[in-house]
Amino acid sequence: MKNANCLVCQSAIEIENDVFVGEIVECSDCGEEHEVMEANGLLTLELAPEIEESWGE
């Protein structure tokens, strides 16, 4: 298990060893969702995009 810091409140987020790029992880303190990304072979976190409703699509 790895740790990363929340981009909003800086609390520790535990990341499982079998996490995959594109997976969404949530901060247990503030509830903000982060997307697991990869840069130069390292896993990083970015704020997850807001999901917009598709009206009738």
PDB file of N, CA and C in Angstrom:
ATOM      1  N   MET A   1       0.844  -1.170   0.000  1.00  0.00           N
ATOM      2  CA  MET A   1       0.000   0.000   0.000  1.00  0.00           C
ATOM      3  C   MET A   1       0.896   1.243   0.000  1.00  0.00           C
ATOM      4  N   LYS A   2       0.490   2.234  -0.774  1.00  0.00           N
ATOM      5  CA  LYS A   2       1.244   3.478  -0.884  1.00  0.00           C
ATOM      6  C   LYS A   2       0.396   4.614  -0.340  1.00  0.00           C
ATOM      7  N   ASN A   3       1.044   5.703  -0.003  1.00  0.00           N
ATOM      8  CA  ASN A   3       0.330   6.892   0.454  1.00  0.00           C
ATOM      9  C   ASN A   3       0.607   8.047  -0.486  1.00  0.00           C
ATOM     10  N   ALA A   4      -0.390   8.887  -0.652  1.00  0.00           N
ATOM     11  CA  ALA A   4      -0.255  10.140  -1.398  1.00  0.00           C
ATOM     12  C   ALA A   4      -1.055  11.171  -0.624  1.00  0.00           C
ATOM     13  N   ASN A   5      -0.825  12.435  -0.912  1.00  0.00           N
ATOM     14  CA  ASN A   5      -1.556  13.492  -0.218  1.00  0.00           C
ATOM     15  C   ASN A   5      -2.705  14.001  -1.077  1.00  0.00           C
ATOM     16  N   CYS A   6      -3.822  14.273  -0.412  1.00  0.00           N
ATOM     17  CA  CYS A   6      -4.985  14.867  -1.065  1.00  0.00           C
ATOM     18  C   CYS A   6      -4.589  16.231  -1.611  1.00  0.00           C
ATOM     19  N   LEU A   7      -5.006  16.531  -2.816  1.00  0.00           N
ATOM     20  CA  LEU A   7      -4.676  17.804  -3.448  1.00  0.00           C
ATOM     21  C   LEU A   7      -5.505  18.956  -2.902  1.00  0.00           C
ATOM     22  N   VAL A   8      -6.529  18.662  -2.104  1.00  0.00           N
ATOM     23  CA  VAL A   8      -7.390  19.697  -1.543  1.00  0.00           C
ATOM     24  C   VAL A   8      -7.036  19.977  -0.086  1.00  0.00           C
ATOM     25  N   CYS A   9      -7.035  18.925   0.754  1.00  0.00           N
ATOM     26  CA  CYS A   9      -6.831  19.130   2.196  1.00  0.00           C
ATOM     27  C   CYS A   9      -5.488  18.618   2.710  1.00  0.00           C
ATOM     28  N   GLN A  10      -4.699  18.009   1.842  1.00  0.00           N
ATOM     29  CA  GLN A  10      -3.363  17.501   2.159  1.00  0.00           C
ATOM     30  C   GLN A  10      -3.353  16.295   3.096  1.00  0.00           C
ATOM     31  N   SER A  11      -4.492  15.677   3.358  1.00  0.00           N
ATOM     32  CA  SER A  11      -4.546  14.464   4.179  1.00  0.00           C
ATOM     33  C   SER A  11      -3.983  13.291   3.386  1.00  0.00           C
ATOM     34  N   ALA A  12      -3.521  12.281   4.091  1.00  0.00           N
ATOM     35  CA  ALA A  12      -2.971  11.091   3.441  1.00  0.00           C
ATOM     36  C   ALA A  12      -4.088  10.267   2.816  1.00  0.00           C
ATOM     37  N   ILE A  13      -3.845   9.802   1.589  1.00  0.00           N
ATOM     38  CA  ILE A  13      -4.753   8.893   0.891  1.00  0.00           C
ATOM     39  C   ILE A  13      -4.001   7.594   0.690  1.00  0.00           C
ATOM     40  N   GLU A  14      -4.572   6.494   1.172  1.00  0.00           N
ATOM     41  CA  GLU A  14      -3.942   5.199   0.985  1.00  0.00           C
ATOM     42  C   GLU A  14      -4.304   4.662  -0.397  1.00  0.00           C
ATOM     43  N   ILE A  15      -3.276   4.225  -1.120  1.00  0.00           N
ATOM     44  CA  ILE A  15      -3.469   3.700  -2.471  1.00  0.00           C
ATOM     45  C   ILE A  15      -3.009   2.249  -2.488  1.00  0.00           C
ATOM     46  N   GLU A  16      -3.899   1.371  -2.908  1.00  0.00           N
ATOM     47  CA  GLU A  16      -3.584  -0.055  -2.959  1.00  0.00           C
ATOM     48  C   GLU A  16      -2.469  -0.322  -3.968  1.00  0.00           C
ATOM     49  N   ASN A  17      -1.712  -1.388  -3.752  1.00  0.00           N
ATOM     50  CA  ASN A  17      -0.608  -1.737  -4.648  1.00  0.00           C
ATOM     51  C   ASN A  17      -1.086  -2.131  -6.044  1.00  0.00           C
ATOM     52  N   ASP A  18      -2.319  -2.634  -6.151  1.00  0.00           N
ATOM     53  CA  ASP A  18      -2.819  -3.093  -7.444  1.00  0.00           C
ATOM     54  C   ASP A  18      -3.668  -2.033  -8.153  1.00  0.00           C
ATOM     55  N   VAL A  19      -3.496  -0.763  -7.780  1.00  0.00           N
ATOM     56  CA  VAL A  19      -4.249   0.328  -8.402  1.00  0.00           C
ATOM     57  C   VAL A  19      -3.868   0.439  -9.878  1.00  0.00           C
ATOM     58  N   PHE A  20      -4.785   0.891 -10.720  1.00  0.00           N
ATOM     59  CA  PHE A  20      -4.482   1.048 -12.142  1.00  0.00           C
ATOM     60  C   PHE A  20      -4.705   2.498 -12.559  1.00  0.00           C
ATOM     61  N   VAL A  21      -4.022   2.895 -13.614  1.00  0.00           N
ATOM     62  CA  VAL A  21      -4.145   4.248 -14.144  1.00  0.00           C
ATOM     63  C   VAL A  21      -5.589   4.477 -14.576  1.00  0.00           C
ATOM     64  N   GLY A  22      -6.155   5.599 -14.178  1.00  0.00           N
ATOM     65  CA  GLY A  22      -7.536   5.916 -14.489  1.00  0.00           C
ATOM     66  C   GLY A  22      -8.498   5.603 -13.364  1.00  0.00           C
ATOM     67  N   GLU A  23      -8.033   4.863 -12.362  1.00  0.00           N
ATOM     68  CA  GLU A  23      -8.889   4.533 -11.225  1.00  0.00           C
ATOM     69  C   GLU A  23      -9.139   5.785 -10.382  1.00  0.00           C
ATOM     70  N   ILE A  24     -10.298   5.858  -9.765  1.00  0.00           N
ATOM     71  CA  ILE A  24     -10.666   6.983  -8.911  1.00  0.00           C
ATOM     72  C   ILE A  24     -10.479   6.557  -7.456  1.00  0.00           C
ATOM     73  N   VAL A  25      -9.754   7.381  -6.691  1.00  0.00           N
ATOM     74  CA  VAL A  25      -9.595   7.168  -5.254  1.00  0.00           C
ATOM     75  C   VAL A  25     -10.153   8.394  -4.541  1.00  0.00           C
ATOM     76  N   GLU A  26     -10.696   8.181  -3.360  1.00  0.00           N
ATOM     77  CA  GLU A  26     -11.358   9.264  -2.633  1.00  0.00           C
ATOM     78  C   GLU A  26     -10.637   9.553  -1.323  1.00  0.00           C
ATOM     79  N   CYS A  27     -10.520  10.823  -0.994  1.00  0.00           N
ATOM     80  CA  CYS A  27      -9.951  11.244   0.277  1.00  0.00           C
ATOM     81  C   CYS A  27     -10.966  10.934   1.373  1.00  0.00           C
ATOM     82  N   SER A  28     -10.530  10.223   2.408  1.00  0.00           N
ATOM     83  CA  SER A  28     -11.459   9.863   3.486  1.00  0.00           C
ATOM     84  C   SER A  28     -11.792  11.054   4.379  1.00  0.00           C
ATOM     85  N   ASP A  29     -10.977  12.116   4.335  1.00  0.00           N
ATOM     86  CA  ASP A  29     -11.241  13.285   5.177  1.00  0.00           C
ATOM     87  C   ASP A  29     -12.205  14.274   4.525  1.00  0.00           C
ATOM     88  N   CYS A  30     -11.934  14.693   3.289  1.00  0.00           N
ATOM     89  CA  CYS A  30     -12.771  15.726   2.670  1.00  0.00           C
ATOM     90  C   CYS A  30     -13.703  15.185   1.584  1.00  0.00           C
ATOM     91  N   GLY A  31     -13.496  13.934   1.144  1.00  0.00           N
ATOM     92  CA  GLY A  31     -14.370  13.321   0.150  1.00  0.00           C
ATOM     93  C   GLY A  31     -14.031  13.651  -1.293  1.00  0.00           C
ATOM     94  N   GLU A  32     -12.985  14.439  -1.525  1.00  0.00           N
ATOM     95  CA  GLU A  32     -12.610  14.807  -2.893  1.00  0.00           C
ATOM     96  C   GLU A  32     -12.114  13.572  -3.642  1.00  0.00           C
ATOM     97  N   GLU A  33     -12.536  13.448  -4.901  1.00  0.00           N
ATOM     98  CA  GLU A  33     -12.120  12.314  -5.720  1.00  0.00           C
ATOM     99  C   GLU A  33     -10.898  12.692  -6.544  1.00  0.00           C
ATOM    100  N   HIS A  34      -9.954  11.751  -6.630  1.00  0.00           N
ATOM    101  CA  HIS A  34      -8.714  11.934  -7.384  1.00  0.00           C
ATOM    102  C   HIS A  34      -8.595  10.804  -8.399  1.00  0.00           C
ATOM    103  N   GLU A  35      -8.037  11.118  -9.547  1.00  0.00           N
ATOM    104  CA  GLU A  35      -7.793  10.114 -10.582  1.00  0.00           C
ATOM    105  C   GLU A  35      -6.319   9.749 -10.561  1.00  0.00           C
ATOM    106  N   VAL A  36      -6.042   8.453 -10.584  1.00  0.00           N
ATOM    107  CA  VAL A  36      -4.665   7.970 -10.611  1.00  0.00           C
ATOM    108  C   VAL A  36      -4.132   8.148 -12.027  1.00  0.00           C
ATOM    109  N   MET A  37      -2.991   8.826 -12.142  1.00  0.00           N
ATOM    110  CA  MET A  37      -2.364   9.081 -13.432  1.00  0.00           C
ATOM    111  C   MET A  37      -0.938   8.540 -13.387  1.00  0.00           C
ATOM    112  N   GLU A  38      -0.287   8.508 -14.543  1.00  0.00           N
ATOM    113  CA  GLU A  38       1.102   8.069 -14.607  1.00  0.00           C
ATOM    114  C   GLU A  38       1.914   9.117 -15.354  1.00  0.00           C
ATOM    115  N   ALA A  39       3.055   9.479 -14.768  1.00  0.00           N
ATOM    116  CA  ALA A  39       3.964  10.431 -15.399  1.00  0.00           C
ATOM    117  C   ALA A  39       5.381   9.935 -15.186  1.00  0.00           C
ATOM    118  N   ASN A  40       6.087   9.708 -16.273  1.00  0.00           N
ATOM    119  CA  ASN A  40       7.481   9.237 -16.219  1.00  0.00           C
ATOM    120  C   ASN A  40       7.620   7.962 -15.394  1.00  0.00           C
ATOM    121  N   GLY A  41       6.664   7.065 -15.509  1.00  0.00           N
ATOM    122  CA  GLY A  41       6.727   5.789 -14.812  1.00  0.00           C
ATOM    123  C   GLY A  41       6.301   5.843 -13.357  1.00  0.00           C
ATOM    124  N   LEU A  42       5.897   7.015 -12.865  1.00  0.00           N
ATOM    125  CA  LEU A  42       5.461   7.162 -11.482  1.00  0.00           C
ATOM    126  C   LEU A  42       3.965   7.446 -11.424  1.00  0.00           C
ATOM    127  N   LEU A  43       3.305   6.886 -10.429  1.00  0.00           N
ATOM    128  CA  LEU A  43       1.892   7.158 -10.255  1.00  0.00           C
ATOM    129  C   LEU A  43       1.713   8.496  -9.556  1.00  0.00           C
ATOM    130  N   THR A  44       0.784   9.290 -10.053  1.00  0.00           N
ATOM    131  CA  THR A  44       0.474  10.589  -9.458  1.00  0.00           C
ATOM    132  C   THR A  44      -1.043  10.704  -9.321  1.00  0.00           C
ATOM    133  N   LEU A  45      -1.477  11.719  -8.601  1.00  0.00           N
ATOM    134  CA  LEU A  45      -2.904  11.981  -8.456  1.00  0.00           C
ATOM    135  C   LEU A  45      -3.245  13.319  -9.081  1.00  0.00           C
ATOM    136  N   GLU A  46      -4.401  13.382  -9.722  1.00  0.00           N
ATOM    137  CA  GLU A  46      -4.967  14.626 -10.232  1.00  0.00           C
ATOM    138  C   GLU A  46      -6.416  14.655  -9.777  1.00  0.00           C
ATOM    139  N   LEU A  47      -6.965  15.846  -9.644  1.00  0.00           N
ATOM    140  CA  LEU A  47      -8.373  15.930  -9.278  1.00  0.00           C
ATOM    141  C   LEU A  47      -9.207  15.268 -10.360  1.00  0.00           C
ATOM    142  N   ALA A  48     -10.132  14.443  -9.942  1.00  0.00           N
ATOM    143  CA  ALA A  48     -10.986  13.735 -10.897  1.00  0.00           C
ATOM    144  C   ALA A  48     -11.928  14.723 -11.570  1.00  0.00           C
ATOM    145  N   PRO A  49     -12.172  14.548 -12.854  1.00  0.00           N
ATOM    146  CA  PRO A  49     -13.105  15.445 -13.543  1.00  0.00           C
ATOM    147  C   PRO A  49     -14.515  15.267 -13.005  1.00  0.00           C
ATOM    148  N   GLU A  50     -15.253  16.356 -12.994  1.00  0.00           N
ATOM    149  CA  GLU A  50     -16.655  16.299 -12.578  1.00  0.00           C
ATOM    150  C   GLU A  50     -17.435  15.536 -13.638  1.00  0.00           C
ATOM    151  N   ILE A  51     -18.321  14.685 -13.205  1.00  0.00           N
ATOM    152  CA  ILE A  51     -19.161  13.937 -14.130  1.00  0.00           C
ATOM    153  C   ILE A  51     -20.410  14.759 -14.393  1.00  0.00           C
ATOM    154  N   GLU A  52     -20.628  15.077 -15.655  1.00  0.00           N
ATOM    155  CA  GLU A  52     -21.784  15.878 -16.030  1.00  0.00           C
ATOM    156  C   GLU A  52     -22.906  14.964 -16.489  1.00  0.00           C
ATOM    157  N   GLU A  53     -24.119  15.369 -16.193  1.00  0.00           N
ATOM    158  CA  GLU A  53     -25.270  14.580 -16.618  1.00  0.00           C
ATOM    159  C   GLU A  53     -25.455  14.722 -18.111  1.00  0.00           C
ATOM    160  N   SER A  54     -25.849  13.641 -18.743  1.00  0.00           N
ATOM    161  CA  SER A  54     -26.154  13.694 -20.167  1.00  0.00           C
ATOM    162  C   SER A  54     -27.672  13.633 -20.310  1.00  0.00           C
ATOM    163  N   TRP A  55     -28.251  14.738 -20.635  1.00  0.00           N
ATOM    164  CA  TRP A  55     -29.694  14.853 -20.743  1.00  0.00           C
ATOM    165  C   TRP A  55     -30.183  14.239 -22.045  1.00  0.00           C
ATOM    166  N   GLY A  56     -30.650  12.999 -21.964  1.00  0.00           N
ATOM    167  CA  GLY A  56     -31.235  12.351 -23.112  1.00  0.00           C
ATOM    168  C   GLY A  56     -30.243  11.766 -24.095  1.00  0.00           C
ATOM    169  N   GLU A  57     -28.980  11.695 -23.737  1.00  0.00           N
ATOM    170  CA  GLU A  57     -28.006  11.111 -24.676  1.00  0.00           C
ATOM    171  C   GLU A  57     -27.932   9.618 -24.498  1.00  0.00           C
TER     172      GLU A  57
END
